[in-house]
Protein backbone atom coordinates (compact mmCIF):
# COMPACT_ATOMS: atom_id res chain seq x y z
CA MET A 1 104.22 93.43 115.39
CA GLU A 2 103.82 97.20 114.94
CA ALA A 3 101.02 98.55 112.76
CA GLN A 4 103.39 100.04 110.19
CA SER A 5 105.35 96.80 109.77
CA LEU A 6 102.11 94.86 109.36
CA THR A 7 100.91 97.45 106.86
CA PHE A 8 104.05 97.03 104.77
CA LEU A 9 103.53 93.26 104.93
CA PHE A 10 99.84 93.30 103.99
CA VAL A 11 100.16 95.94 101.27
CA GLY A 12 103.30 94.32 99.85
CA ALA A 13 101.65 90.89 99.73
CA SER A 14 98.55 92.29 98.01
CA PHE A 15 100.65 94.16 95.45
CA ALA A 16 102.66 91.00 94.75
CA LEU A 17 99.38 89.13 94.20
CA TYR A 18 98.07 91.77 91.77
CA ILE A 19 101.31 91.84 89.79
CA GLY A 20 101.47 88.04 89.69
CA ILE A 21 97.95 87.88 88.27
CA ALA A 22 98.86 90.51 85.66
CA ILE A 23 101.91 88.50 84.55
CA TYR A 24 99.88 85.29 84.39
CA SER A 25 97.09 87.06 82.42
CA ARG A 26 99.37 88.86 79.95
CA VAL A 27 97.40 89.49 76.74
CA GLY A 28 98.44 89.23 73.12
CA SER A 29 95.38 90.49 71.23
CA THR A 30 93.07 93.51 71.27
CA ASP A 31 90.08 91.25 72.02
CA GLU A 32 91.73 90.13 75.27
CA PHE A 33 93.01 93.64 76.02
CA TYR A 34 89.61 95.33 75.61
CA VAL A 35 87.07 92.71 76.80
CA ALA A 36 89.13 89.76 78.17
CA GLY A 37 88.19 87.71 75.11
CA GLY A 38 84.51 87.77 76.20
CA ALA A 39 85.16 84.65 78.29
CA VAL A 40 84.84 85.77 81.93
CA PRO A 41 82.42 83.59 84.01
CA PRO A 42 79.42 85.49 85.49
CA LEU A 43 80.46 84.95 89.14
CA ALA A 44 84.00 86.22 88.53
CA ASN A 45 82.64 89.08 86.45
CA GLY A 46 80.23 89.98 89.25
CA MET A 47 83.12 90.19 91.74
CA ALA A 48 85.25 92.16 89.28
CA THR A 49 82.34 94.50 88.58
CA ALA A 50 81.83 95.05 92.32
CA ALA A 51 85.53 95.86 92.78
CA ASP A 52 85.48 98.12 89.71
CA TRP A 53 82.42 99.82 91.13
CA MET A 54 83.40 100.06 94.81
CA SER A 55 86.06 102.68 94.45
CA ALA A 56 87.87 104.83 96.96
CA ALA A 57 84.60 106.76 97.22
CA SER A 58 82.75 103.66 98.42
CA PHE A 59 85.45 102.27 100.69
CA ILE A 60 87.08 105.44 102.04
CA SER A 61 84.74 108.35 101.56
CA MET A 62 81.11 107.23 101.58
CA ALA A 63 80.97 106.27 105.26
CA GLY A 64 82.96 109.44 106.02
CA LEU A 65 80.36 111.51 104.22
CA ILE A 66 77.48 109.82 106.06
CA SER A 67 79.39 110.26 109.32
CA PHE A 68 79.55 114.03 108.76
CA ILE A 69 76.16 114.76 107.17
CA GLY A 70 73.96 112.03 108.68
CA ARG A 71 70.71 111.07 107.00
CA ASP A 72 71.35 113.14 103.88
CA GLY A 73 74.20 110.74 103.06
CA ALA A 74 71.57 108.10 102.28
CA VAL A 75 71.38 109.53 98.76
CA TYR A 76 74.70 107.82 97.98
CA LEU A 77 73.42 104.46 99.20
CA MET A 78 70.15 104.68 97.29
CA GLY A 79 71.63 106.11 94.14
CA TRP A 80 74.67 103.88 93.77
CA THR A 81 72.86 100.61 94.54
CA GLY A 82 69.64 101.50 92.70
CA GLY A 83 71.67 102.28 89.63
CA TYR A 84 72.66 98.65 89.30
CA VAL A 85 69.04 97.56 89.14
CA LEU A 86 68.53 100.10 86.36
CA LEU A 87 71.66 98.88 84.60
CA ALA A 88 70.70 95.20 84.84
CA LEU A 89 67.17 95.77 83.53
CA LEU A 90 67.67 98.43 80.87
CA LEU A 91 71.17 98.30 79.44
CA ALA A 92 73.46 95.40 80.29
CA PRO A 93 71.86 92.56 78.28
CA TYR A 94 71.22 94.72 75.22
CA LEU A 95 74.75 96.11 75.10
CA ARG A 96 76.16 92.60 75.48
CA LYS A 97 74.01 91.46 72.58
CA PHE A 98 75.45 94.31 70.51
CA GLY A 99 78.83 92.67 71.15
CA LYS A 100 81.34 95.49 70.64
CA TYR A 101 84.27 96.71 72.74
CA THR A 102 83.28 100.15 74.05
CA VAL A 103 80.41 102.55 74.62
CA PRO A 104 81.61 104.93 71.84
CA ASP A 105 81.60 101.83 69.60
CA PHE A 106 77.89 101.41 70.29
CA VAL A 107 77.17 105.12 69.80
CA GLY A 108 79.18 105.30 66.55
CA ASP A 109 77.64 102.19 64.98
CA ARG A 110 74.10 102.74 66.23
CA TYR A 111 74.01 106.30 64.94
CA GLU A 112 76.17 105.58 61.87
CA SER A 113 78.33 108.57 62.58
CA ASP A 114 81.98 109.20 63.32
CA ALA A 115 80.95 112.59 64.70
CA ALA A 116 78.71 110.87 67.27
CA ARG A 117 81.58 108.50 68.06
CA LEU A 118 83.94 111.44 68.65
CA VAL A 119 81.44 113.16 70.96
CA ALA A 120 81.08 109.88 72.88
CA VAL A 121 84.88 109.62 73.16
CA LEU A 122 84.96 113.19 74.52
CA CYS A 123 82.35 112.27 77.12
CA VAL A 124 84.26 109.08 78.08
CA ILE A 125 87.50 110.98 78.63
CA PHE A 126 85.84 113.83 80.52
CA ILE A 127 83.88 111.51 82.82
CA SER A 128 86.69 109.02 83.40
CA PHE A 129 89.32 111.60 84.27
CA THR A 130 86.88 113.28 86.67
CA TYR A 131 86.26 109.91 88.31
CA VAL A 132 89.89 108.78 88.40
CA ALA A 133 90.91 111.95 90.24
CA GLY A 134 89.08 110.63 93.31
CA GLN A 135 90.80 107.25 93.09
CA MET A 136 94.31 108.68 92.93
CA ARG A 137 93.48 111.01 95.81
CA GLY A 138 92.40 107.95 97.84
CA VAL A 139 95.65 106.13 97.03
CA GLY A 140 97.66 109.13 98.22
CA ILE A 141 95.71 109.36 101.48
CA VAL A 142 96.32 105.71 102.36
CA PHE A 143 100.01 105.88 101.55
CA SER A 144 100.52 109.18 103.41
CA ARG A 145 99.22 107.82 106.69
CA PHE A 146 100.02 104.14 106.80
CA LEU A 147 103.31 104.05 104.91
CA GLU A 148 104.34 107.51 106.14
CA VAL A 149 105.15 108.97 102.77
CA ASP A 150 104.02 112.25 101.27
CA ILE A 151 100.59 112.13 99.56
CA ASN A 152 102.19 113.04 96.23
CA HIS A 153 104.72 110.22 96.51
CA GLY A 154 101.90 107.86 97.44
CA VAL A 155 100.06 108.80 94.23
CA ILE A 156 103.20 108.08 92.20
CA ILE A 157 103.58 104.61 93.79
CA GLY A 158 99.92 103.88 93.00
CA MET A 159 100.47 105.00 89.40
CA ALA A 160 103.37 102.56 89.05
CA ILE A 161 101.31 99.60 90.31
CA VAL A 162 98.33 100.39 88.08
CA PHE A 163 100.66 100.93 85.11
CA PHE A 164 102.07 97.45 85.53
CA TYR A 165 98.89 95.39 85.57
CA ALA A 166 96.70 97.64 83.38
CA VAL A 167 99.22 98.04 80.56
CA LEU A 168 100.49 94.47 80.71
CA GLY A 169 97.27 92.52 81.28
CA GLY A 170 94.59 94.77 79.79
CA MET A 171 90.99 93.85 80.63
CA LYS A 172 91.93 90.20 81.18
CA GLY A 173 94.56 91.08 83.78
CA ILE A 174 92.39 93.78 85.34
CA THR A 175 89.38 91.44 85.64
CA TYR A 176 91.14 88.73 87.62
CA THR A 177 93.10 91.30 89.61
CA GLN A 178 89.78 92.89 90.55
CA VAL A 179 88.44 89.54 91.76
CA ALA A 180 91.37 89.41 94.21
CA GLN A 181 90.89 93.10 95.08
CA TYR A 182 87.22 92.54 95.90
CA CYS A 183 88.14 89.78 98.34
CA VAL A 184 90.72 92.05 99.99
CA LEU A 185 88.52 95.15 100.20
CA ILE A 186 85.36 93.43 101.48
CA PHE A 187 87.27 91.53 104.17
CA ALA A 188 89.05 94.77 105.14
CA PHE A 189 85.77 96.70 105.37
CA MET A 190 83.74 94.07 107.22
CA THR A 191 86.32 92.98 109.80
CA PRO A 192 86.56 96.26 111.76
CA ALA A 193 82.81 96.80 111.36
CA ILE A 194 82.09 93.44 113.03
CA PHE A 195 84.66 94.12 115.79
CA ILE A 196 83.25 97.57 116.60
CA SER A 197 79.64 96.42 116.44
CA LEU A 198 80.44 93.76 119.02
CA MET A 199 82.28 96.26 121.23
CA MET A 200 79.52 98.90 121.12
CA THR A 201 76.29 96.92 120.82
CA GLY A 202 77.18 93.27 121.44
CA ASN A 203 75.81 92.33 118.02
CA PRO A 204 78.26 90.79 115.51
CA VAL A 205 76.14 91.90 112.54
CA PRO A 206 76.89 95.61 111.93
CA GLN A 207 73.61 96.16 110.04
CA LEU A 208 71.70 95.00 113.16
CA GLY A 209 74.02 96.70 115.63
CA PHE A 210 73.35 99.96 113.78
CA GLY A 211 69.74 99.81 114.96
CA GLY A 212 70.46 98.27 118.34
CA THR A 213 71.10 99.46 121.89
CA LEU A 214 74.47 100.20 123.45
CA LEU A 215 76.24 97.79 125.79
CA ASP A 216 77.13 100.59 128.23
CA ALA A 217 73.54 101.91 128.20
CA PRO A 218 71.09 99.04 127.44
CA ASP A 219 68.12 101.43 127.32
CA THR A 220 69.74 103.77 124.77
CA TYR A 221 69.78 103.14 121.05
CA LEU A 222 72.97 103.93 119.12
CA LEU A 223 71.27 106.52 116.89
CA ASP A 224 69.61 108.19 119.89
CA ARG A 225 73.05 108.57 121.51
CA LEU A 226 74.39 110.02 118.28
CA ASP A 227 71.52 112.51 118.00
CA GLN A 228 72.10 113.60 121.60
CA LEU A 229 75.86 114.05 121.14
CA SER A 230 75.38 115.96 117.89
CA THR A 231 72.80 118.42 119.23
CA GLU A 232 74.78 119.04 122.43
CA LEU A 233 77.73 120.18 120.28
CA GLY A 234 75.58 122.45 118.12
CA PHE A 235 75.30 120.12 115.12
CA ALA A 236 71.94 119.19 113.62
CA ALA A 237 70.46 115.90 114.81
CA TYR A 238 72.20 113.06 112.99
CA THR A 239 68.97 111.36 111.91
CA GLU A 240 67.37 114.56 110.55
CA GLY A 241 67.92 115.61 106.95
CA ARG A 242 68.86 119.15 105.99
CA LYS A 243 68.68 118.96 102.21
CA SER A 244 65.44 119.77 100.40
CA THR A 245 63.40 116.83 99.19
CA PHE A 246 63.83 117.93 95.58
CA ASP A 247 67.62 118.12 95.88
CA VAL A 248 67.71 114.67 97.51
CA PHE A 249 65.61 113.34 94.63
CA CYS A 250 67.90 114.94 92.04
CA ILE A 251 71.12 113.65 93.63
CA THR A 252 69.69 110.14 93.95
CA ALA A 253 68.47 110.21 90.35
CA ALA A 254 71.81 111.53 89.06
CA LEU A 255 73.69 108.79 90.90
CA MET A 256 71.30 106.06 89.73
CA VAL A 257 71.25 107.10 86.09
CA GLY A 258 74.95 107.95 86.21
CA THR A 259 75.65 104.38 87.33
CA ALA A 260 73.85 103.10 84.25
CA GLY A 261 75.85 105.47 82.07
CA LEU A 262 79.37 104.99 83.43
CA PRO A 263 81.55 103.59 80.64
CA HIS A 264 83.91 101.59 82.89
CA VAL A 265 80.90 99.78 84.42
CA ILE A 266 79.12 99.16 81.10
CA VAL A 267 82.22 97.67 79.47
CA ARG A 268 82.26 94.91 82.10
CA PHE A 269 79.18 93.38 80.48
CA PHE A 270 81.07 92.97 77.20
CA THR A 271 83.45 90.51 78.91
CA VAL A 272 80.99 87.63 79.49
CA PRO A 273 80.22 84.88 76.96
CA LYS A 274 76.42 85.30 76.61
CA VAL A 275 73.58 87.80 77.06
CA ARG A 276 72.19 85.74 79.95
CA ASP A 277 75.58 85.98 81.66
CA ALA A 278 75.34 89.77 81.53
CA ARG A 279 72.17 89.67 83.65
CA LEU A 280 73.72 87.13 86.03
CA SER A 281 76.82 89.31 86.38
CA ALA A 282 74.68 92.31 87.29
CA GLY A 283 72.82 90.25 89.90
CA PHE A 284 76.01 88.91 91.47
CA ALA A 285 77.52 92.40 91.45
CA LEU A 286 74.50 93.85 93.23
CA VAL A 287 74.77 91.24 96.01
CA PHE A 288 78.52 91.83 96.44
CA ILE A 289 78.04 95.61 96.44
CA ALA A 290 75.12 95.48 98.90
CA LEU A 291 77.32 93.69 101.42
CA LEU A 292 79.49 96.79 101.77
CA TYR A 293 76.78 99.39 101.19
CA THR A 294 74.46 98.08 103.89
CA THR A 295 77.39 98.12 106.32
CA ALA A 296 78.54 101.67 105.55
CA PRO A 297 75.83 103.49 107.59
CA ALA A 298 76.74 101.39 110.63
CA VAL A 299 80.44 102.16 110.21
CA ALA A 300 79.64 105.87 109.83
CA SER A 301 77.63 105.92 113.04
CA PHE A 302 80.17 103.90 115.04
CA VAL A 303 83.06 106.15 114.07
CA ARG A 304 81.06 109.35 114.67
CA VAL A 305 80.21 108.32 118.23
CA ASN A 306 83.80 107.27 118.92
CA VAL A 307 85.27 110.48 117.50
CA ILE A 308 83.03 112.76 119.54
CA GLU A 309 83.41 110.82 122.80
CA THR A 310 87.17 110.38 122.40
CA MET A 311 88.11 113.83 121.18
CA ASN A 312 85.84 116.55 122.54
CA GLU A 313 87.08 118.40 125.65
CA THR A 314 90.15 116.15 125.89
CA HIS A 315 93.49 117.82 126.61
CA TYR A 316 95.81 117.51 123.62
CA SER A 317 98.49 115.80 125.68
CA ALA A 318 95.98 113.06 126.60
CA MET A 319 94.74 112.45 123.05
CA PRO A 320 95.15 108.88 121.78
CA ARG A 321 97.91 108.17 119.32
CA TRP A 322 95.54 108.02 116.33
CA PHE A 323 94.95 111.77 116.43
CA LYS A 324 98.65 112.62 116.34
CA ASN A 325 99.30 110.02 113.61
CA TRP A 326 96.72 111.57 111.33
CA GLU A 327 97.86 115.07 112.30
CA ASP A 328 101.28 114.22 110.89
CA SER A 329 99.65 113.21 107.61
CA GLY A 330 98.08 116.67 107.24
CA LEU A 331 94.51 115.34 107.19
CA ILE A 332 93.51 116.44 110.68
CA ALA A 333 94.50 119.58 112.56
CA TRP A 334 93.85 121.38 115.83
CA GLN A 335 94.09 125.10 116.48
CA ASP A 336 93.92 126.08 120.17
CA LYS A 337 91.82 129.25 119.91
CA ASN A 338 91.28 129.86 123.64
CA ASN A 339 94.74 128.64 124.77
CA ASP A 340 93.39 126.09 127.26
CA GLY A 341 95.10 123.07 125.68
CA ARG A 342 91.75 121.27 125.33
CA ILE A 343 90.25 120.20 122.02
CA GLN A 344 86.93 121.93 121.35
CA TYR A 345 84.92 120.09 118.70
CA ARG A 346 81.80 122.12 117.88
CA ALA A 347 79.55 122.97 114.96
CA GLY A 348 81.18 125.12 112.32
CA ALA A 349 84.02 124.83 109.83
CA ALA A 350 87.43 125.05 111.48
CA LEU A 351 90.04 127.12 109.64
CA ASP A 352 87.10 128.57 107.62
CA GLY A 353 86.89 125.24 105.81
CA ALA A 354 90.38 125.59 104.34
CA LYS A 355 92.96 122.82 104.47
CA PRO A 356 95.64 123.20 107.18
CA ILE A 357 98.95 124.83 106.28
CA TYR A 358 101.59 123.67 108.73
CA SER A 359 104.42 125.77 110.12
CA PRO A 360 107.77 124.35 111.27
CA GLY A 361 108.02 123.25 114.86
CA ARG A 362 105.49 122.41 117.55
CA GLY A 363 103.24 124.34 119.89
CA GLU A 364 103.43 124.39 123.69
CA HIS A 365 101.22 121.30 123.95
CA GLY A 366 103.12 119.40 121.25
CA GLN A 367 100.60 120.09 118.47
CA ARG A 368 101.53 120.91 114.89
CA LEU A 369 101.53 124.68 114.37
CA LEU A 370 99.38 126.20 111.64
CA GLU A 371 99.81 129.24 109.43
CA ASN A 372 96.04 129.47 108.89
CA SER A 373 94.40 132.46 110.55
CA PRO A 374 91.96 131.36 113.26
CA SER A 375 88.30 131.49 112.19
CA GLU A 376 85.71 133.13 114.41
CA ASN A 377 83.58 130.06 115.11
CA SER A 378 84.28 127.85 118.10
CA ASN A 379 85.33 124.70 116.25
CA GLU A 380 89.04 124.07 116.75
CA VAL A 381 89.30 120.86 114.75
CA TYR A 382 89.79 120.38 111.03
CA MET A 383 89.07 116.78 109.96
CA ASP A 384 89.22 115.50 106.40
CA ARG A 385 86.13 113.40 105.66
CA ASP A 386 88.20 110.85 103.77
CA ILE A 387 90.03 109.63 106.88
CA MET A 388 87.02 108.44 108.87
CA VAL A 389 87.00 104.83 107.66
CA LEU A 390 90.79 104.56 107.57
CA ALA A 391 91.15 105.94 111.10
CA ASN A 392 88.22 103.92 112.44
CA PRO A 393 90.23 100.88 113.66
CA GLU A 394 92.75 103.13 115.46
CA ILE A 395 90.00 105.20 117.08
CA ALA A 396 88.32 102.02 118.33
CA ARG A 397 91.72 100.63 119.52
CA LEU A 398 91.49 97.50 117.37
CA PRO A 399 94.51 95.20 116.89
CA ASN A 400 97.32 96.37 114.62
CA TRP A 401 96.60 93.69 112.03
CA VAL A 402 93.13 95.17 111.50
CA ILE A 403 94.67 98.62 110.91
CA ALA A 404 97.03 97.11 108.33
CA LEU A 405 94.16 95.21 106.69
CA VAL A 406 92.12 98.39 106.26
CA ALA A 407 95.09 100.08 104.57
CA ALA A 408 95.36 97.19 102.09
CA GLY A 409 91.59 97.32 101.51
CA GLY A 410 91.58 101.05 100.83
CA LEU A 411 94.35 100.64 98.25
CA ALA A 412 92.53 97.70 96.65
CA ALA A 413 89.36 99.77 96.28
CA ALA A 414 91.12 102.77 94.75
CA LEU A 415 93.43 100.81 92.44
CA SER A 416 90.70 98.48 91.12
CA THR A 417 88.52 101.35 89.93
CA ALA A 418 91.46 103.40 88.67
CA ALA A 419 92.56 100.48 86.48
CA GLY A 420 89.08 100.06 84.98
CA LEU A 421 88.79 103.76 84.23
CA LEU A 422 92.21 103.97 82.67
CA LEU A 423 91.47 101.01 80.42
CA VAL A 424 88.27 102.73 79.25
CA ILE A 425 90.27 105.87 78.38
CA SER A 426 92.87 103.75 76.61
CA SER A 427 90.22 101.89 74.60
CA ALA A 428 88.46 105.12 73.62
CA ILE A 429 91.69 106.53 72.23
CA SER A 430 93.20 103.46 70.55
CA HIS A 431 90.02 101.75 69.32
CA ASP A 432 87.43 104.49 68.83
CA LEU A 433 89.68 107.36 67.75
CA LEU A 434 92.57 105.65 65.97
CA LYS A 435 91.19 102.36 64.65
CA LYS A 436 87.68 103.52 63.84
CA VAL A 437 88.32 107.11 62.65
CA PHE A 438 91.86 108.28 61.99
CA MET A 439 93.87 105.10 61.28
CA PRO A 440 91.46 102.37 60.11
CA GLY A 441 94.25 100.45 58.36
CA ILE A 442 96.34 99.63 61.44
CA SER A 443 96.88 95.98 62.33
CA ASP A 444 95.70 94.25 65.49
CA LYS A 445 99.26 94.30 66.83
CA GLN A 446 99.65 98.04 66.15
CA GLU A 447 96.30 98.79 67.79
CA LEU A 448 97.39 96.87 70.91
CA ARG A 449 100.60 98.92 71.02
CA TYR A 450 98.65 102.18 70.77
CA ALA A 451 96.26 100.95 73.48
CA ARG A 452 99.16 100.38 75.86
CA LEU A 453 100.71 103.77 75.04
CA ALA A 454 97.34 105.45 75.64
CA ALA A 455 96.98 103.67 78.97
CA ALA A 456 100.45 104.83 80.03
CA ALA A 457 99.66 108.45 79.09
CA ALA A 458 96.29 108.27 80.90
CA ILE A 459 98.00 107.02 84.06
CA GLY A 460 100.34 110.01 84.01
CA ILE A 461 97.47 112.48 83.66
CA ALA A 462 95.48 110.65 86.35
CA GLY A 463 98.43 111.03 88.70
CA LEU A 464 98.34 114.80 88.23
CA PHE A 465 94.67 114.78 89.19
CA GLY A 466 95.55 112.82 92.31
CA ILE A 467 98.27 115.30 93.27
CA TYR A 468 96.03 118.31 92.59
CA PRO A 469 92.53 117.01 93.45
CA PRO A 470 89.51 119.27 92.79
CA ALA A 471 87.64 118.14 95.96
CA PHE A 472 87.34 115.27 98.43
CA VAL A 473 86.88 111.78 96.98
CA ALA A 474 83.13 111.17 97.12
CA GLN A 475 82.30 114.67 95.87
CA VAL A 476 84.55 114.26 92.83
CA VAL A 477 82.95 110.90 92.10
CA ALA A 478 79.45 112.38 92.44
CA PHE A 479 80.37 114.93 89.76
CA ALA A 480 81.47 112.09 87.45
CA PHE A 481 78.11 110.38 87.92
CA GLY A 482 76.25 113.58 87.11
CA LEU A 483 78.25 113.97 83.91
CA ALA A 484 77.53 110.35 82.93
CA ALA A 485 73.81 110.80 83.61
CA ALA A 486 73.67 113.97 81.53
CA SER A 487 75.68 112.70 78.56
CA PHE A 488 75.69 108.94 78.03
CA PHE A 489 72.54 107.51 79.50
CA PRO A 490 70.00 109.21 77.19
CA ALA A 491 72.06 108.39 74.09
CA ILE A 492 72.33 104.71 75.05
CA PHE A 493 68.73 104.40 76.27
CA LEU A 494 67.22 106.04 73.18
CA GLY A 495 69.65 104.13 70.97
CA ILE A 496 68.25 100.84 72.27
CA PHE A 497 64.55 101.63 72.71
CA TYR A 498 63.74 104.34 70.16
CA SER A 499 64.48 103.44 66.57
CA ARG A 500 63.61 106.96 65.32
CA MET A 501 66.55 108.48 67.21
CA ASN A 502 69.19 109.68 64.75
CA ARG A 503 72.77 110.90 64.86
CA GLN A 504 71.84 114.59 64.93
CA GLY A 505 69.63 114.11 67.97
CA ALA A 506 72.18 111.96 69.81
CA ILE A 507 75.02 114.46 69.23
CA ALA A 508 72.86 117.46 70.22
CA GLY A 509 71.69 115.66 73.36
CA MET A 510 75.14 114.51 74.52
CA LEU A 511 76.75 117.91 73.94
CA SER A 512 73.92 119.90 75.55
CA GLY A 513 73.79 117.64 78.60
CA LEU A 514 77.57 117.63 79.04
CA VAL A 515 77.97 121.39 78.59
CA PHE A 516 75.04 122.26 80.87
CA THR A 517 76.09 119.91 83.69
CA SER A 518 79.83 120.59 83.57
CA GLY A 519 79.22 124.35 83.32
CA TYR A 520 76.99 124.30 86.41
CA ILE A 521 79.50 122.24 88.42
CA ILE A 522 82.50 124.35 87.35
CA TYR A 523 80.71 127.61 88.12
CA PHE A 524 79.56 126.73 91.63
CA LYS A 525 82.59 124.67 92.67
CA PHE A 526 85.50 126.49 91.06
CA VAL A 527 84.50 129.89 89.61
CA SER A 528 82.21 131.14 92.42
CA PRO A 529 82.39 128.66 95.30
CA GLU A 530 81.18 131.37 97.70
CA LEU A 531 77.77 131.16 95.96
CA SER A 532 77.50 127.39 96.37
CA ASN A 533 74.48 127.26 98.66
CA PRO A 534 70.75 126.53 98.20
CA GLN A 535 69.90 130.23 97.90
CA HIS A 536 71.89 130.56 94.67
CA TRP A 537 71.43 127.09 93.15
CA TRP A 538 69.03 126.84 90.22
CA LEU A 539 65.75 125.36 91.54
CA GLY A 540 67.65 124.58 94.75
CA VAL A 541 69.57 121.74 93.06
CA SER A 542 73.15 121.22 94.28
CA PRO A 543 76.07 120.57 91.89
CA GLU A 544 75.99 116.92 93.00
CA GLY A 545 72.39 116.59 91.75
CA ILE A 546 72.46 118.76 88.64
CA GLY A 547 73.18 115.72 86.46
CA ALA A 548 69.49 114.75 86.80
CA ILE A 549 68.47 118.09 85.28
CA GLY A 550 71.25 117.72 82.69
CA MET A 551 69.75 114.37 81.71
CA LEU A 552 66.39 116.03 81.05
CA VAL A 553 68.16 118.71 78.99
CA ASN A 554 69.80 115.91 76.98
CA PHE A 555 66.50 114.11 76.38
CA ALA A 556 64.76 117.35 75.38
CA ALA A 557 67.52 118.39 72.95
CA ALA A 558 67.89 114.91 71.48
CA LEU A 559 64.16 114.37 70.85
CA SER A 560 63.64 117.90 69.50
CA VAL A 561 66.54 117.71 67.04
CA CYS A 562 65.66 114.14 66.11
CA HIS A 563 62.18 115.14 64.87
CA LEU A 564 63.51 118.16 62.97
CA THR A 565 66.03 116.10 60.98
CA PRO A 566 65.81 113.05 58.66
CA PRO A 567 65.21 109.62 60.24
CA PRO A 568 68.03 107.09 60.52
CA SER A 569 68.64 104.50 57.81
CA GLU A 570 66.81 101.20 57.59
CA GLN A 571 70.05 99.48 58.59
CA ALA A 572 70.12 101.42 61.89
CA ARG A 573 66.47 100.53 62.54
CA GLN A 574 67.24 96.86 61.96
CA LEU A 575 70.19 97.08 64.35
CA VAL A 576 67.87 98.42 67.07
CA GLU A 577 65.42 95.58 66.41
CA LYS A 578 68.21 93.01 66.54
CA ILE A 579 69.52 94.33 69.86
CA ARG A 580 66.13 94.72 71.50
CA ILE A 581 64.31 91.51 70.49
CA PRO A 582 65.36 88.51 72.61
CA HIS A 583 67.04 85.59 70.85
CA GLY A 584 64.44 83.20 69.42
CA ALA A 585 61.64 85.76 69.60
CA GLY A 586 62.19 87.12 66.11
CA ALA A 587 59.66 84.86 64.38
CA ALA A 588 56.93 85.62 66.91
CA TYR A 589 57.71 89.33 66.70
CA HIS A 590 57.44 89.43 62.91
CA HIS A 591 54.28 87.32 63.00
CA GLN A 592 52.73 89.84 65.37
CA GLN A 593 53.86 92.77 63.19
CA ASN A 594 52.30 91.18 60.10
CA HIS A 595 48.97 90.66 61.81
């Protein structure tokens, strides 16, 4: 069966499964809509958390990033997995013990302030919409190539699917849908990795094949071959880093702390029955996430070798079908600068780094014609980083069913995270804004109606972000993590572990961190992108890593303002003690305090 027919079959079957779960899990109360009734088993919650976490950035873009930038891409692996250790140790059990629905709920009650709650809602919406832009972009990419529809139409189809199971099933429907989506995405990611590892190194374990020797050159290690190929084409050696140590540290820290501050991840720990289950969920999630994350560097290296060896110096007419398929999707392009009909893949940004603008008709070799003016460097190939994993099975000439499986996996990864983010936005509006601040008298049934309306509106806005994305998937997601690190994490951390922290300090910290970090990102990425290089960055810190500095700004502002203003009430101090002291330890704690 052809790849496209199999893709329709696999994607259609997975969508039918997700919708069936949503119908079966239809909710009738806000408790089920927001936190699945707090009755999700730890193993299922760990799988749902992994699916919620492993977004289009993890499945589609992370290996693509590592494939392009080499060792520097390790910051994403260290930051995103390390963040779960931080989350499991510092936040998850305490927030579950607090027992509310949302992160703004914690902020508002802990700091006894509707103003703090409103600032937290602002941060939730800002972070979540930044994050969801990457997911919708990923959905559009998969649809544009494998189902041969326009990227914009692909985003609209994805919106319709998410609307159905997010609005109908709420957190309960999303949770069990995400369990199914994890199974789909991990099988889709691992299958081609195992195939290609066997083909290139003879080892069925990609993590071991990554460090092994090649079948066609038993004395040559895979990474040595990749270094050789890269340097011969003018690129830096693949295994050598180019970022400064301080910037690597800042990006890793921003991703780690951002993980612990992401509202759609934190809310997952409100869905389990007990505090102990929150820790178990985090442990299960880390294992499930590590399975993909330890495989990603191998996938990145395999596809990089295959791309260079398959594409460079090959005449366009002899290029494999995968190149022309992706060319039609607008995510890869070739501009014949020396009119020899051969593809020259060299160091440098083709088309001056701009996206291709296609003209009608075809060139003399059959290639798509471009309106872009040729750049001066020798690189003739534009390649979107987000296609590397999706194109990997075609580049390696794997069976059509593997190609179809990867398409279904990419959609599962993007849709699972998009649903979680949209529910967080919906909860922030219906529960934290309406129920807690502006309309406290509404009934449970009315709140549920407003939650569904908010989810529908959020899906529409998210679709616009997918159609007009601010950057490629992983970069957008990195910005969201920086914003979470700079806004939420200090407020939550100090709210749990520092009883002196008051509402004035929390508000000052969240606003200062959010404004500083978002201003830095907006300036270097959108206002003056021509200045976005280490020479102009403050302290040499890239926009992807500035969240770590923003976090320090937050802590400094919060602690300074806290000690210049009155302390919180005794009730707030008791709440901190109740959250922080383990169950059954109260008597021992008070005995120690009295002596």
